[in-house]
Amino acid sequence: MSRRWVLRKKKDPYYKLAKRKGYRARSAFKLIQINNKFGIIQPGFRVLDLGAAPGGWSQVVKEIIGENGLVVAVDIQEIDPIKGVYIIQGDARDESTKREIKAISPYFDAVISDMSPNLSGIYDIDHLRSIELAETAYSIAKEFLKPHGNFLVKVFQGEEFPKFLEKLRKDFHFVKPYSPPASRKSSSEIYVICKGYFPWKRR
């Protein structure tokens, strides 16, 4: 971890705001901004949070859904407890983890993923790894989303991005790439908002 990175982090207004408001990551504000604009998560929703560590997105989801909603946070890494959030430590691709999720809820109104690959520093490699993770999240979402549900996924822009968007458009009524204000201007990340899951749309 370089001194320059630490200094940039400390100067970041969203990092400071996250600390002040008790969010575990600055990315919490990305979800807040996305949801304020697109309304993918509503009070009472059941939400599956993939790659949830350290838990910033799950904190935001819990605030939005209220007491009548449900949030399940899944990650290979350990996540410290969050009041009102079901936490599963495991790989969401594994059948054993899927069984744990289904034991809590067989379906969800929204599936969200802020997963990022381990960065190599080589743009094309990182892009392809990001696409692979996004495809994985998409595959899991299709198993758990109820009809008309919503999906949110992060991906790095690059050559394969348009193809990924076309896949999403086959299953959702609304698909929109969006970069929230909290995303760093130097980042190639972009979020894809998908609303209205229609698995029979392609038939």
Protein backbone atom coordinates (compact mmCIF):
# COMPACT_ATOMS: atom_id res chain seq x y z
CA MET A 1 0.00 0.00 0.00
CA SER A 2 1.72 3.18 -1.19
CA ARG A 3 1.87 6.42 0.81
CA ARG A 4 0.35 8.22 -2.17
CA TRP A 5 -2.68 5.87 -2.12
CA VAL A 6 -3.16 6.39 1.63
CA LEU A 7 -3.01 10.19 1.23
CA ARG A 8 -5.51 10.13 -1.64
CA LYS A 9 -7.84 7.97 0.42
CA LYS A 10 -7.70 10.34 3.39
CA LYS A 11 -8.47 13.33 1.14
CA ASP A 12 -11.42 11.56 -0.52
CA PRO A 13 -14.65 13.31 0.59
CA TYR A 14 -16.67 10.08 0.29
CA TYR A 15 -14.15 8.21 2.44
CA LYS A 16 -14.49 10.91 5.12
CA LEU A 17 -18.27 10.92 4.82
CA ALA A 18 -18.42 7.13 5.12
CA LYS A 19 -16.39 7.29 8.31
CA ARG A 20 -18.65 10.00 9.71
CA LYS A 21 -21.89 8.14 8.88
CA GLY A 22 -20.63 4.74 10.00
CA TYR A 23 -20.54 3.05 6.59
CA ARG A 24 -17.85 0.42 6.14
CA ALA A 25 -16.86 1.59 2.65
CA ARG A 26 -17.10 4.72 0.48
CA SER A 27 -18.90 2.54 -2.09
CA ALA A 28 -22.00 2.87 0.09
CA PHE A 29 -22.58 6.26 -1.56
CA LYS A 30 -22.44 4.72 -5.03
CA LEU A 31 -25.39 2.50 -4.12
CA ILE A 32 -27.24 5.39 -2.48
CA GLN A 33 -26.80 7.53 -5.61
CA ILE A 34 -27.78 4.70 -7.96
CA ASN A 35 -30.87 3.87 -5.94
CA ASN A 36 -31.93 7.50 -5.65
CA LYS A 37 -31.87 7.74 -9.45
CA PHE A 38 -33.23 4.34 -10.48
CA GLY A 39 -35.11 2.93 -7.46
CA ILE A 40 -33.86 -0.63 -7.84
CA ILE A 41 -34.35 -1.30 -4.11
CA GLN A 42 -37.59 -0.43 -2.34
CA PRO A 43 -38.93 -0.79 1.22
CA GLY A 44 -39.87 -4.38 1.96
CA PHE A 45 -37.64 -5.86 -0.77
CA ARG A 46 -35.68 -9.09 -0.42
CA VAL A 47 -32.12 -8.36 -1.60
CA LEU A 48 -29.16 -10.64 -2.30
CA ASP A 49 -25.80 -8.82 -2.00
CA LEU A 50 -23.00 -10.71 -3.80
CA GLY A 51 -19.36 -10.05 -2.96
CA ALA A 52 -20.65 -8.05 -0.01
CA ALA A 53 -17.47 -7.60 2.08
CA PRO A 54 -16.86 -5.41 3.99
CA GLY A 55 -20.61 -4.78 4.14
CA GLY A 56 -21.13 -1.15 3.10
CA TRP A 57 -23.76 -1.99 0.49
CA SER A 58 -25.61 -4.29 2.89
CA GLN A 59 -25.75 -1.45 5.43
CA VAL A 60 -27.39 0.81 2.83
CA VAL A 61 -29.80 -1.91 1.70
CA LYS A 62 -30.92 -2.53 5.27
CA GLU A 63 -31.67 1.18 5.71
CA ILE A 64 -33.77 1.20 2.52
CA ILE A 65 -35.75 -2.02 2.96
CA GLY A 66 -36.67 -1.44 6.61
CA GLU A 67 -38.00 -4.00 9.06
CA ASN A 68 -40.23 -5.79 6.54
CA GLY A 69 -37.44 -6.46 4.03
CA LEU A 70 -34.60 -8.95 4.00
CA VAL A 71 -30.95 -8.77 2.97
CA VAL A 72 -28.56 -11.68 2.53
CA ALA A 73 -24.87 -10.78 2.22
CA VAL A 74 -22.53 -13.34 0.63
CA ASP A 75 -18.76 -13.25 0.30
CA ILE A 76 -15.78 -15.59 0.41
CA GLN A 77 -14.25 -13.20 2.93
CA GLU A 78 -15.49 -12.92 6.47
CA ILE A 79 -17.95 -10.06 7.11
CA ASP A 80 -18.38 -8.60 10.58
CA PRO A 81 -21.98 -8.84 11.82
CA ILE A 82 -24.48 -6.22 10.64
CA LYS A 83 -27.70 -5.86 12.59
CA GLY A 84 -30.63 -7.27 10.65
CA VAL A 85 -28.47 -8.76 7.86
CA TYR A 86 -28.05 -12.48 7.15
CA ILE A 87 -24.36 -13.13 6.41
CA ILE A 88 -23.06 -16.18 4.57
CA GLN A 89 -19.34 -16.78 4.19
CA GLY A 90 -18.84 -18.82 1.04
CA ASP A 91 -18.54 -18.82 -2.73
CA ALA A 92 -21.95 -18.02 -4.26
CA ARG A 93 -21.09 -20.29 -7.20
CA ASP A 94 -20.95 -23.35 -4.92
CA GLU A 95 -24.09 -25.44 -4.53
CA SER A 96 -23.59 -25.59 -0.76
CA THR A 97 -23.66 -21.78 -0.57
CA LYS A 98 -26.71 -21.63 -2.83
CA ARG A 99 -28.49 -24.05 -0.51
CA GLU A 100 -27.72 -21.75 2.43
CA ILE A 101 -29.15 -18.79 0.52
CA LYS A 102 -32.28 -20.71 -0.46
CA ALA A 103 -32.81 -21.80 3.15
CA ILE A 104 -33.17 -18.10 4.02
CA SER A 105 -35.16 -17.13 0.92
CA PRO A 106 -35.81 -19.01 -2.35
CA TYR A 107 -36.23 -15.79 -4.32
CA PHE A 108 -35.24 -12.10 -4.23
CA ASP A 109 -36.64 -8.83 -5.55
CA ALA A 110 -33.14 -7.57 -6.32
CA VAL A 111 -29.65 -9.02 -6.71
CA ILE A 112 -26.70 -6.62 -6.45
CA SER A 113 -22.98 -7.12 -7.04
CA ASP A 114 -20.07 -4.77 -6.42
CA MET A 115 -17.48 -7.50 -7.00
CA SER A 116 -14.07 -6.51 -8.36
CA PRO A 117 -11.23 -8.71 -9.56
CA ASN A 118 -7.76 -8.67 -8.06
CA LEU A 119 -6.11 -6.02 -10.19
CA SER A 120 -3.08 -6.86 -12.28
CA GLY A 121 -2.53 -3.31 -13.52
CA ILE A 122 -2.89 -4.57 -17.11
CA TYR A 123 -6.06 -2.99 -18.47
CA ASP A 124 -7.20 -5.75 -20.84
CA ILE A 125 -6.66 -8.49 -18.27
CA ASP A 126 -8.49 -6.59 -15.55
CA HIS A 127 -11.37 -5.87 -17.94
CA LEU A 128 -11.75 -9.54 -18.86
CA ARG A 129 -11.60 -10.61 -15.22
CA SER A 130 -14.25 -8.04 -14.40
CA ILE A 131 -16.50 -9.33 -17.21
CA GLU A 132 -16.06 -12.86 -15.88
CA LEU A 133 -17.16 -11.78 -12.39
CA ALA A 134 -20.11 -9.84 -13.81
CA GLU A 135 -21.15 -12.91 -15.84
CA THR A 136 -20.96 -14.97 -12.65
CA ALA A 137 -23.16 -12.49 -10.78
CA TYR A 138 -25.60 -12.51 -13.71
CA SER A 139 -25.79 -16.30 -13.69
CA ILE A 140 -26.50 -16.35 -9.94
CA ALA A 141 -29.06 -13.56 -10.32
CA LYS A 142 -30.99 -15.60 -12.87
CA GLU A 143 -31.28 -18.43 -10.32
CA PHE A 144 -32.63 -16.23 -7.52
CA LEU A 145 -34.47 -13.29 -9.09
CA LYS A 146 -38.23 -13.42 -9.12
CA PRO A 147 -40.02 -12.23 -12.30
CA HIS A 148 -39.87 -8.44 -12.69
CA GLY A 149 -36.94 -8.30 -10.25
CA ASN A 150 -33.92 -5.98 -10.53
CA PHE A 151 -30.20 -6.59 -10.97
CA LEU A 152 -27.26 -4.25 -10.37
CA VAL A 153 -23.70 -5.17 -11.31
CA LYS A 154 -20.32 -3.47 -11.53
CA VAL A 155 -18.05 -4.03 -14.51
CA PHE A 156 -14.93 -2.45 -16.01
CA GLN A 157 -15.46 -0.95 -19.44
CA GLY A 158 -13.66 -2.47 -22.40
CA GLU A 159 -14.02 -4.47 -25.59
CA GLU A 160 -16.37 -7.13 -24.13
CA PHE A 161 -18.67 -4.66 -22.38
CA PRO A 162 -21.15 -4.15 -25.30
CA LYS A 163 -21.58 -7.92 -25.65
CA PHE A 164 -22.34 -8.21 -21.95
CA LEU A 165 -24.98 -5.48 -22.24
CA GLU A 166 -26.66 -7.33 -25.11
CA LYS A 167 -26.95 -10.46 -22.96
CA LEU A 168 -28.60 -8.48 -20.21
CA ARG A 169 -31.06 -6.90 -22.64
CA LYS A 170 -32.37 -10.36 -23.51
CA ASP A 171 -33.66 -10.86 -19.96
CA PHE A 172 -34.55 -7.39 -18.68
CA HIS A 173 -36.93 -4.71 -19.90
CA PHE A 174 -34.62 -1.88 -18.82
CA VAL A 175 -30.81 -1.93 -19.01
CA LYS A 176 -28.78 1.21 -18.38
CA PRO A 177 -25.02 1.73 -17.81
CA TYR A 178 -24.41 4.44 -15.23
CA SER A 179 -21.46 6.00 -13.44
CA PRO A 180 -22.54 7.49 -10.09
CA PRO A 181 -20.88 10.71 -8.87
CA ALA A 182 -19.10 8.76 -6.11
CA SER A 183 -17.12 6.75 -8.69
CA ARG A 184 -13.63 8.11 -9.13
CA LYS A 185 -13.17 9.93 -12.43
CA SER A 186 -9.98 7.94 -13.09
CA SER A 187 -11.80 4.61 -12.76
CA SER A 188 -13.04 2.53 -15.69
CA GLU A 189 -15.77 1.00 -13.54
CA ILE A 190 -19.37 1.40 -14.53
CA TYR A 191 -22.58 0.04 -13.04
CA VAL A 192 -25.30 -1.61 -15.08
CA ILE A 193 -28.83 -1.12 -13.81
CA CYS A 194 -31.27 -3.81 -14.94
CA LYS A 195 -34.98 -3.63 -14.12
CA GLY A 196 -37.89 -5.89 -14.95
CA TYR A 197 -36.47 -9.41 -15.14
CA PHE A 198 -38.34 -11.26 -17.86
CA PRO A 199 -36.74 -14.71 -18.33
CA TRP A 200 -39.33 -15.61 -20.98
CA LYS A 201 -38.64 -12.41 -22.97
CA ARG A 202 -36.17 -14.16 -25.29
CA ARG A 203 -38.70 -16.81 -26.35
